[in-house]
Amino acid sequence: MSEGTAELPAPPAVLRDTLAGDAEFLYRVYAGTRAEELAMTNWSAEQKEQFCRMQFQAQTTDYRANYPQARHSIIEREGTPVGRLIIERKEREICIIDIAILPEARGGGIGTHFLRDSWRKPPPPARRCGSTSRNLTVRYGCT
């Protein structure tokens, strides 16, 4: 690095395409988004898992049917999968369908990094998000 130039920090994580072998990881990510809500039930661990698996399958089917051109990505930090991002880019809009980070990896700027990066290519005229990560997306103007 030459004098007078600042080294840019590495992104907190990178994206890679989802692979067939990622199914169980993707389920874990989904289940992590439901853990807080399911903790309020008196369901057994088995009932919670059955419910989550059924809902995960329904969500996956719905996303594939309604967003057939979407890119399904795994978010990795230091080579370890920590989340998923599903995004559909169209000529005049960007639709962030879902962004979900494992509970133990939240709060480190990963979601913020990918939301900012998504809107740089180019910013859509209007932003509308359908994400379960409501607090994060509201900070960035999603409705």
N, C-alpha and C. Protein backbone atom coordinates (compact mmCIF):
# COMPACT_ATOMS: atom_id res chain seq x y z
N MET A 1 0.85 -1.18 0.00
CA MET A 1 0.00 0.00 0.00
C MET A 1 0.88 1.22 0.00
N SER A 2 0.58 2.21 -0.84
CA SER A 2 1.40 3.40 -0.90
C SER A 2 1.00 4.38 0.19
N GLU A 3 1.94 5.26 0.51
CA GLU A 3 1.70 6.25 1.54
C GLU A 3 0.56 7.16 1.10
N GLY A 4 -0.31 7.52 2.01
CA GLY A 4 -1.41 8.41 1.69
C GLY A 4 -2.67 7.71 1.23
N THR A 5 -2.62 6.41 1.05
CA THR A 5 -3.84 5.69 0.69
C THR A 5 -4.27 4.83 1.86
N ALA A 6 -5.53 4.80 2.08
CA ALA A 6 -6.06 4.00 3.19
C ALA A 6 -6.50 2.65 2.67
N GLU A 7 -6.21 1.64 3.44
CA GLU A 7 -6.66 0.30 3.08
C GLU A 7 -8.12 0.16 3.47
N LEU A 8 -8.93 -0.29 2.55
CA LEU A 8 -10.34 -0.48 2.84
C LEU A 8 -10.53 -1.73 3.68
N PRO A 9 -11.43 -1.67 4.67
CA PRO A 9 -11.67 -2.87 5.46
C PRO A 9 -12.31 -3.96 4.61
N ALA A 10 -11.99 -5.18 4.94
CA ALA A 10 -12.60 -6.32 4.24
C ALA A 10 -14.08 -6.36 4.59
N PRO A 11 -14.92 -6.79 3.66
CA PRO A 11 -16.34 -6.92 4.00
C PRO A 11 -16.49 -7.94 5.12
N PRO A 12 -17.53 -7.77 5.94
CA PRO A 12 -17.71 -8.70 7.05
C PRO A 12 -18.05 -10.11 6.60
N ALA A 13 -18.46 -10.25 5.35
CA ALA A 13 -18.85 -11.57 4.84
C ALA A 13 -18.92 -11.50 3.32
N VAL A 14 -19.02 -12.67 2.70
CA VAL A 14 -19.13 -12.76 1.24
C VAL A 14 -20.32 -13.65 0.88
N LEU A 15 -20.75 -13.53 -0.37
CA LEU A 15 -21.85 -14.35 -0.87
C LEU A 15 -21.33 -15.45 -1.78
N ARG A 16 -22.02 -16.57 -1.74
CA ARG A 16 -21.80 -17.62 -2.73
C ARG A 16 -23.17 -18.18 -3.07
N ASP A 17 -23.28 -18.76 -4.25
CA ASP A 17 -24.55 -19.35 -4.66
C ASP A 17 -24.92 -20.52 -3.74
N THR A 18 -26.21 -20.69 -3.53
CA THR A 18 -26.71 -21.81 -2.74
C THR A 18 -26.50 -23.10 -3.53
N LEU A 19 -26.07 -24.13 -2.82
CA LEU A 19 -25.85 -25.45 -3.42
C LEU A 19 -26.84 -26.45 -2.84
N ALA A 20 -27.02 -27.57 -3.52
CA ALA A 20 -27.94 -28.60 -3.06
C ALA A 20 -27.60 -29.06 -1.64
N GLY A 21 -26.33 -29.12 -1.30
CA GLY A 21 -25.91 -29.56 0.02
C GLY A 21 -26.16 -28.57 1.14
N ASP A 22 -26.71 -27.40 0.82
CA ASP A 22 -26.97 -26.36 1.83
C ASP A 22 -28.33 -26.48 2.49
N ALA A 23 -29.14 -27.44 2.10
CA ALA A 23 -30.53 -27.52 2.57
C ALA A 23 -30.64 -27.53 4.09
N GLU A 24 -29.85 -28.33 4.77
CA GLU A 24 -29.97 -28.41 6.23
C GLU A 24 -29.51 -27.10 6.89
N PHE A 25 -28.46 -26.49 6.35
CA PHE A 25 -28.02 -25.19 6.86
C PHE A 25 -29.13 -24.15 6.69
N LEU A 26 -29.75 -24.12 5.51
CA LEU A 26 -30.83 -23.16 5.26
C LEU A 26 -31.99 -23.37 6.22
N TYR A 27 -32.27 -24.63 6.55
CA TYR A 27 -33.30 -24.90 7.55
C TYR A 27 -32.89 -24.30 8.90
N ARG A 28 -31.64 -24.48 9.30
CA ARG A 28 -31.16 -23.93 10.58
C ARG A 28 -31.30 -22.41 10.61
N VAL A 29 -30.99 -21.77 9.50
CA VAL A 29 -31.14 -20.31 9.43
C VAL A 29 -32.61 -19.95 9.62
N TYR A 30 -33.48 -20.63 8.90
CA TYR A 30 -34.92 -20.36 9.03
C TYR A 30 -35.37 -20.58 10.47
N ALA A 31 -35.02 -21.71 11.05
CA ALA A 31 -35.43 -22.02 12.42
C ALA A 31 -34.94 -20.94 13.38
N GLY A 32 -33.77 -20.39 13.12
CA GLY A 32 -33.24 -19.31 13.95
C GLY A 32 -34.11 -18.06 13.91
N THR A 33 -34.80 -17.85 12.80
CA THR A 33 -35.68 -16.68 12.70
C THR A 33 -36.98 -16.88 13.47
N ARG A 34 -37.28 -18.11 13.81
CA ARG A 34 -38.54 -18.42 14.50
C ARG A 34 -38.33 -18.76 15.98
N ALA A 35 -37.08 -18.87 16.43
CA ALA A 35 -36.79 -19.35 17.78
C ALA A 35 -37.43 -18.50 18.87
N GLU A 36 -37.32 -17.20 18.76
CA GLU A 36 -37.87 -16.32 19.79
C GLU A 36 -39.39 -16.48 19.91
N GLU A 37 -40.05 -16.51 18.79
CA GLU A 37 -41.51 -16.65 18.79
C GLU A 37 -41.93 -18.04 19.31
N LEU A 38 -41.20 -19.08 18.93
CA LEU A 38 -41.56 -20.43 19.38
C LEU A 38 -41.24 -20.66 20.85
N ALA A 39 -40.33 -19.87 21.40
CA ALA A 39 -40.01 -19.99 22.82
C ALA A 39 -41.22 -19.65 23.69
N MET A 40 -42.16 -18.91 23.15
CA MET A 40 -43.36 -18.51 23.90
C MET A 40 -44.44 -19.58 23.90
N THR A 41 -44.23 -20.65 23.14
CA THR A 41 -45.23 -21.72 23.10
C THR A 41 -44.89 -22.78 24.15
N ASN A 42 -45.83 -23.63 24.42
CA ASN A 42 -45.55 -24.76 25.31
C ASN A 42 -45.36 -26.04 24.51
N TRP A 43 -44.98 -25.90 23.25
CA TRP A 43 -44.75 -27.05 22.39
C TRP A 43 -43.47 -27.78 22.79
N SER A 44 -43.47 -29.07 22.52
CA SER A 44 -42.25 -29.86 22.74
C SER A 44 -41.23 -29.50 21.66
N ALA A 45 -39.98 -29.88 21.88
CA ALA A 45 -38.93 -29.63 20.89
C ALA A 45 -39.29 -30.29 19.56
N GLU A 46 -39.87 -31.48 19.64
CA GLU A 46 -40.27 -32.20 18.42
C GLU A 46 -41.37 -31.44 17.66
N GLN A 47 -42.34 -30.92 18.39
CA GLN A 47 -43.42 -30.15 17.75
C GLN A 47 -42.87 -28.88 17.09
N LYS A 48 -41.96 -28.21 17.78
CA LYS A 48 -41.35 -27.00 17.21
C LYS A 48 -40.58 -27.32 15.94
N GLU A 49 -39.85 -28.42 15.96
CA GLU A 49 -39.09 -28.80 14.77
C GLU A 49 -40.03 -29.15 13.62
N GLN A 50 -41.07 -29.92 13.90
CA GLN A 50 -42.03 -30.28 12.83
C GLN A 50 -42.66 -29.02 12.24
N PHE A 51 -43.05 -28.10 13.10
CA PHE A 51 -43.65 -26.85 12.64
C PHE A 51 -42.66 -26.07 11.77
N CYS A 52 -41.44 -25.92 12.26
CA CYS A 52 -40.42 -25.17 11.51
C CYS A 52 -40.12 -25.82 10.17
N ARG A 53 -40.00 -27.13 10.14
CA ARG A 53 -39.71 -27.80 8.87
C ARG A 53 -40.85 -27.60 7.86
N MET A 54 -42.09 -27.69 8.35
CA MET A 54 -43.24 -27.48 7.48
C MET A 54 -43.25 -26.04 6.95
N GLN A 55 -43.04 -25.08 7.83
CA GLN A 55 -43.05 -23.67 7.43
C GLN A 55 -41.87 -23.34 6.51
N PHE A 56 -40.71 -23.92 6.79
CA PHE A 56 -39.54 -23.71 5.93
C PHE A 56 -39.82 -24.21 4.52
N GLN A 57 -40.40 -25.39 4.42
CA GLN A 57 -40.72 -25.95 3.10
C GLN A 57 -41.73 -25.07 2.37
N ALA A 58 -42.74 -24.59 3.09
CA ALA A 58 -43.75 -23.72 2.47
C ALA A 58 -43.11 -22.41 2.00
N GLN A 59 -42.25 -21.84 2.82
CA GLN A 59 -41.58 -20.60 2.44
C GLN A 59 -40.69 -20.80 1.22
N THR A 60 -39.93 -21.88 1.21
CA THR A 60 -39.04 -22.18 0.09
C THR A 60 -39.84 -22.34 -1.20
N THR A 61 -40.92 -23.09 -1.13
CA THR A 61 -41.78 -23.29 -2.31
C THR A 61 -42.36 -21.97 -2.79
N ASP A 62 -42.82 -21.15 -1.86
CA ASP A 62 -43.41 -19.86 -2.20
C ASP A 62 -42.38 -18.93 -2.86
N TYR A 63 -41.20 -18.84 -2.28
CA TYR A 63 -40.17 -17.96 -2.84
C TYR A 63 -39.80 -18.40 -4.25
N ARG A 64 -39.63 -19.69 -4.46
CA ARG A 64 -39.26 -20.18 -5.80
C ARG A 64 -40.37 -19.94 -6.82
N ALA A 65 -41.63 -20.07 -6.39
CA ALA A 65 -42.75 -19.85 -7.31
C ALA A 65 -42.96 -18.38 -7.64
N ASN A 66 -42.83 -17.52 -6.63
CA ASN A 66 -43.13 -16.10 -6.82
C ASN A 66 -41.94 -15.26 -7.26
N TYR A 67 -40.74 -15.76 -7.09
CA TYR A 67 -39.53 -15.03 -7.48
C TYR A 67 -38.60 -15.97 -8.25
N PRO A 68 -39.02 -16.43 -9.42
CA PRO A 68 -38.25 -17.44 -10.14
C PRO A 68 -36.88 -16.95 -10.62
N GLN A 69 -36.69 -15.66 -10.75
CA GLN A 69 -35.41 -15.12 -11.21
C GLN A 69 -34.49 -14.71 -10.06
N ALA A 70 -34.92 -14.93 -8.84
CA ALA A 70 -34.14 -14.50 -7.68
C ALA A 70 -32.84 -15.28 -7.55
N ARG A 71 -31.85 -14.60 -7.02
CA ARG A 71 -30.57 -15.25 -6.71
C ARG A 71 -30.62 -15.68 -5.24
N HIS A 72 -30.39 -16.95 -5.00
CA HIS A 72 -30.37 -17.51 -3.65
C HIS A 72 -28.91 -17.68 -3.25
N SER A 73 -28.50 -16.98 -2.21
CA SER A 73 -27.09 -16.98 -1.81
C SER A 73 -26.92 -17.38 -0.35
N ILE A 74 -25.76 -17.95 -0.09
CA ILE A 74 -25.33 -18.23 1.28
C ILE A 74 -24.37 -17.11 1.66
N ILE A 75 -24.54 -16.57 2.85
CA ILE A 75 -23.63 -15.57 3.39
C ILE A 75 -22.59 -16.32 4.21
N GLU A 76 -21.33 -16.09 3.88
CA GLU A 76 -20.23 -16.74 4.61
C GLU A 76 -19.33 -15.69 5.25
N ARG A 77 -18.93 -15.97 6.47
CA ARG A 77 -17.94 -15.15 7.17
C ARG A 77 -16.75 -16.04 7.48
N GLU A 78 -15.60 -15.65 6.97
CA GLU A 78 -14.37 -16.42 7.16
C GLU A 78 -14.56 -17.88 6.77
N GLY A 79 -15.28 -18.11 5.66
CA GLY A 79 -15.47 -19.45 5.13
C GLY A 79 -16.56 -20.27 5.80
N THR A 80 -17.22 -19.69 6.79
CA THR A 80 -18.28 -20.41 7.52
C THR A 80 -19.64 -19.82 7.16
N PRO A 81 -20.61 -20.64 6.76
CA PRO A 81 -21.95 -20.13 6.47
C PRO A 81 -22.59 -19.53 7.72
N VAL A 82 -23.13 -18.32 7.58
CA VAL A 82 -23.78 -17.64 8.71
C VAL A 82 -25.17 -17.12 8.37
N GLY A 83 -25.58 -17.21 7.10
CA GLY A 83 -26.90 -16.69 6.75
C GLY A 83 -27.24 -16.91 5.29
N ARG A 84 -28.34 -16.29 4.89
CA ARG A 84 -28.78 -16.38 3.50
C ARG A 84 -29.30 -15.04 3.04
N LEU A 85 -29.22 -14.83 1.74
CA LEU A 85 -29.77 -13.64 1.11
C LEU A 85 -30.46 -14.09 -0.16
N ILE A 86 -31.70 -13.69 -0.32
CA ILE A 86 -32.45 -13.97 -1.54
C ILE A 86 -32.84 -12.62 -2.11
N ILE A 87 -32.38 -12.36 -3.33
CA ILE A 87 -32.58 -11.05 -3.94
C ILE A 87 -32.93 -11.22 -5.40
N GLU A 88 -33.87 -10.40 -5.85
CA GLU A 88 -34.25 -10.42 -7.26
C GLU A 88 -34.00 -9.03 -7.83
N ARG A 89 -33.18 -8.99 -8.87
CA ARG A 89 -32.87 -7.72 -9.54
C ARG A 89 -33.64 -7.66 -10.85
N LYS A 90 -34.35 -6.57 -11.01
CA LYS A 90 -35.08 -6.32 -12.26
C LYS A 90 -34.52 -5.04 -12.86
N GLU A 91 -35.01 -4.70 -14.03
CA GLU A 91 -34.50 -3.52 -14.71
C GLU A 91 -34.60 -2.25 -13.86
N ARG A 92 -35.72 -2.06 -13.18
CA ARG A 92 -35.94 -0.82 -12.45
C ARG A 92 -36.12 -1.00 -10.95
N GLU A 93 -35.90 -2.19 -10.45
CA GLU A 93 -36.07 -2.38 -9.02
C GLU A 93 -35.22 -3.53 -8.50
N ILE A 94 -34.99 -3.48 -7.22
CA ILE A 94 -34.30 -4.53 -6.51
C ILE A 94 -35.24 -5.00 -5.41
N CYS A 95 -35.49 -6.28 -5.36
CA CYS A 95 -36.37 -6.83 -4.33
C CYS A 95 -35.55 -7.74 -3.42
N ILE A 96 -35.38 -7.30 -2.20
CA ILE A 96 -34.73 -8.16 -1.21
C ILE A 96 -35.84 -9.01 -0.62
N ILE A 97 -35.86 -10.25 -1.03
CA ILE A 97 -36.93 -11.16 -0.64
C ILE A 97 -36.73 -11.62 0.79
N ASP A 98 -35.50 -11.96 1.13
CA ASP A 98 -35.22 -12.40 2.50
C ASP A 98 -33.74 -12.25 2.79
N ILE A 99 -33.46 -11.82 3.98
CA ILE A 99 -32.10 -11.85 4.50
C ILE A 99 -32.24 -12.38 5.92
N ALA A 100 -31.49 -13.40 6.23
CA ALA A 100 -31.56 -14.02 7.55
C ALA A 100 -30.16 -14.45 7.96
N ILE A 101 -29.82 -14.14 9.19
CA ILE A 101 -28.51 -14.45 9.76
C ILE A 101 -28.74 -15.35 10.97
N LEU A 102 -27.87 -16.34 11.15
CA LEU A 102 -27.97 -17.18 12.35
C LEU A 102 -27.93 -16.29 13.59
N PRO A 103 -28.70 -16.64 14.63
CA PRO A 103 -28.73 -15.79 15.82
C PRO A 103 -27.35 -15.47 16.39
N GLU A 104 -26.47 -16.43 16.41
CA GLU A 104 -25.14 -16.21 17.00
C GLU A 104 -24.24 -15.32 16.14
N ALA A 105 -24.64 -15.03 14.91
CA ALA A 105 -23.83 -14.19 14.02
C ALA A 105 -24.44 -12.81 13.81
N ARG A 106 -25.55 -12.52 14.47
CA ARG A 106 -26.23 -11.24 14.29
C ARG A 106 -25.52 -10.12 15.05
N GLY A 107 -25.76 -8.90 14.58
CA GLY A 107 -25.23 -7.73 15.28
C GLY A 107 -23.82 -7.35 14.89
N GLY A 108 -23.25 -8.01 13.90
CA GLY A 108 -21.88 -7.72 13.49
C GLY A 108 -21.76 -6.94 12.20
N GLY A 109 -22.87 -6.44 11.68
CA GLY A 109 -22.82 -5.63 10.46
C GLY A 109 -22.98 -6.39 9.16
N ILE A 110 -23.21 -7.68 9.23
CA ILE A 110 -23.32 -8.48 8.01
C ILE A 110 -24.55 -8.07 7.20
N GLY A 111 -25.70 -8.01 7.83
CA GLY A 111 -26.91 -7.61 7.12
C GLY A 111 -26.81 -6.21 6.55
N THR A 112 -26.28 -5.30 7.34
CA THR A 112 -26.09 -3.92 6.89
C THR A 112 -25.20 -3.87 5.65
N HIS A 113 -24.13 -4.62 5.68
CA HIS A 113 -23.20 -4.65 4.54
C HIS A 113 -23.92 -5.06 3.26
N PHE A 114 -24.70 -6.12 3.31
CA PHE A 114 -25.34 -6.61 2.09
C PHE A 114 -26.51 -5.73 1.64
N LEU A 115 -27.21 -5.10 2.57
CA LEU A 115 -28.26 -4.17 2.16
C LEU A 115 -27.65 -2.96 1.46
N ARG A 116 -26.61 -2.39 2.04
CA ARG A 116 -25.94 -1.25 1.40
C ARG A 116 -25.40 -1.64 0.03
N ASP A 117 -24.75 -2.78 -0.04
CA ASP A 117 -24.17 -3.24 -1.30
C ASP A 117 -25.26 -3.45 -2.36
N SER A 118 -26.39 -4.01 -1.96
CA SER A 118 -27.48 -4.26 -2.91
C SER A 118 -28.00 -2.97 -3.51
N TRP A 119 -28.09 -1.92 -2.71
CA TRP A 119 -28.66 -0.67 -3.19
C TRP A 119 -27.65 0.20 -3.94
N ARG A 120 -26.42 -0.20 -3.99
CA ARG A 120 -25.43 0.52 -4.78
C ARG A 120 -25.48 0.14 -6.25
N LYS A 121 -26.23 -0.86 -6.61
CA LYS A 121 -26.16 -1.46 -7.97
C LYS A 121 -27.48 -1.43 -8.70
N PRO A 122 -27.99 -0.45 -9.23
CA PRO A 122 -28.06 0.93 -8.75
C PRO A 122 -29.21 1.05 -7.76
N PRO A 123 -29.34 2.16 -7.06
CA PRO A 123 -30.45 2.28 -6.12
C PRO A 123 -31.79 2.24 -6.87
N PRO A 124 -32.73 1.49 -6.37
CA PRO A 124 -34.03 1.45 -7.04
C PRO A 124 -34.79 2.74 -6.78
N PRO A 125 -35.74 3.09 -7.64
CA PRO A 125 -36.51 4.31 -7.42
C PRO A 125 -37.39 4.23 -6.17
N ALA A 126 -37.79 3.04 -5.80
CA ALA A 126 -38.58 2.85 -4.58
C ALA A 126 -38.13 1.56 -3.95
N ARG A 127 -38.18 1.51 -2.62
CA ARG A 127 -37.73 0.31 -1.93
C ARG A 127 -38.90 -0.30 -1.17
N ARG A 128 -39.11 -1.55 -1.43
CA ARG A 128 -40.14 -2.29 -0.72
C ARG A 128 -39.57 -3.65 -0.40
N CYS A 129 -39.58 -4.00 0.85
CA CYS A 129 -38.95 -5.25 1.27
C CYS A 129 -39.98 -6.18 1.89
N GLY A 130 -39.76 -7.46 1.70
CA GLY A 130 -40.60 -8.48 2.31
C GLY A 130 -39.73 -9.35 3.19
N SER A 131 -39.09 -8.75 4.18
CA SER A 131 -38.11 -9.46 4.97
C SER A 131 -38.59 -9.68 6.39
N THR A 132 -38.15 -10.77 6.98
CA THR A 132 -38.43 -11.00 8.38
C THR A 132 -37.49 -10.20 9.26
N SER A 133 -36.46 -9.61 8.69
CA SER A 133 -35.49 -8.81 9.43
C SER A 133 -35.98 -7.37 9.49
N ARG A 134 -37.12 -7.16 10.08
CA ARG A 134 -37.82 -5.87 10.04
C ARG A 134 -36.98 -4.71 10.58
N ASN A 135 -36.36 -4.84 11.73
CA ASN A 135 -35.58 -3.74 12.29
C ASN A 135 -34.49 -3.29 11.35
N LEU A 136 -33.80 -4.22 10.75
CA LEU A 136 -32.71 -3.90 9.84
C LEU A 136 -33.23 -3.21 8.59
N THR A 137 -34.28 -3.73 8.00
CA THR A 137 -34.77 -3.15 6.74
C THR A 137 -35.44 -1.80 6.94
N VAL A 138 -36.10 -1.58 8.06
CA VAL A 138 -36.73 -0.29 8.32
C VAL A 138 -35.68 0.81 8.41
N ARG A 139 -34.51 0.49 9.00
CA ARG A 139 -33.43 1.48 9.08
C ARG A 139 -33.01 1.96 7.70
N TYR A 140 -33.21 1.15 6.69
CA TYR A 140 -32.77 1.49 5.34
C TYR A 140 -33.93 1.90 4.45
N GLY A 141 -35.05 2.28 5.04
CA GLY A 141 -36.13 2.88 4.28
C GLY A 141 -37.10 1.94 3.61
N CYS A 142 -37.08 0.67 3.95
CA CYS A 142 -38.02 -0.27 3.34
C CYS A 142 -39.39 -0.09 3.96
N THR A 143 -40.39 -0.35 3.16
CA THR A 143 -41.76 -0.24 3.66
C THR A 143 -42.39 -1.61 3.72
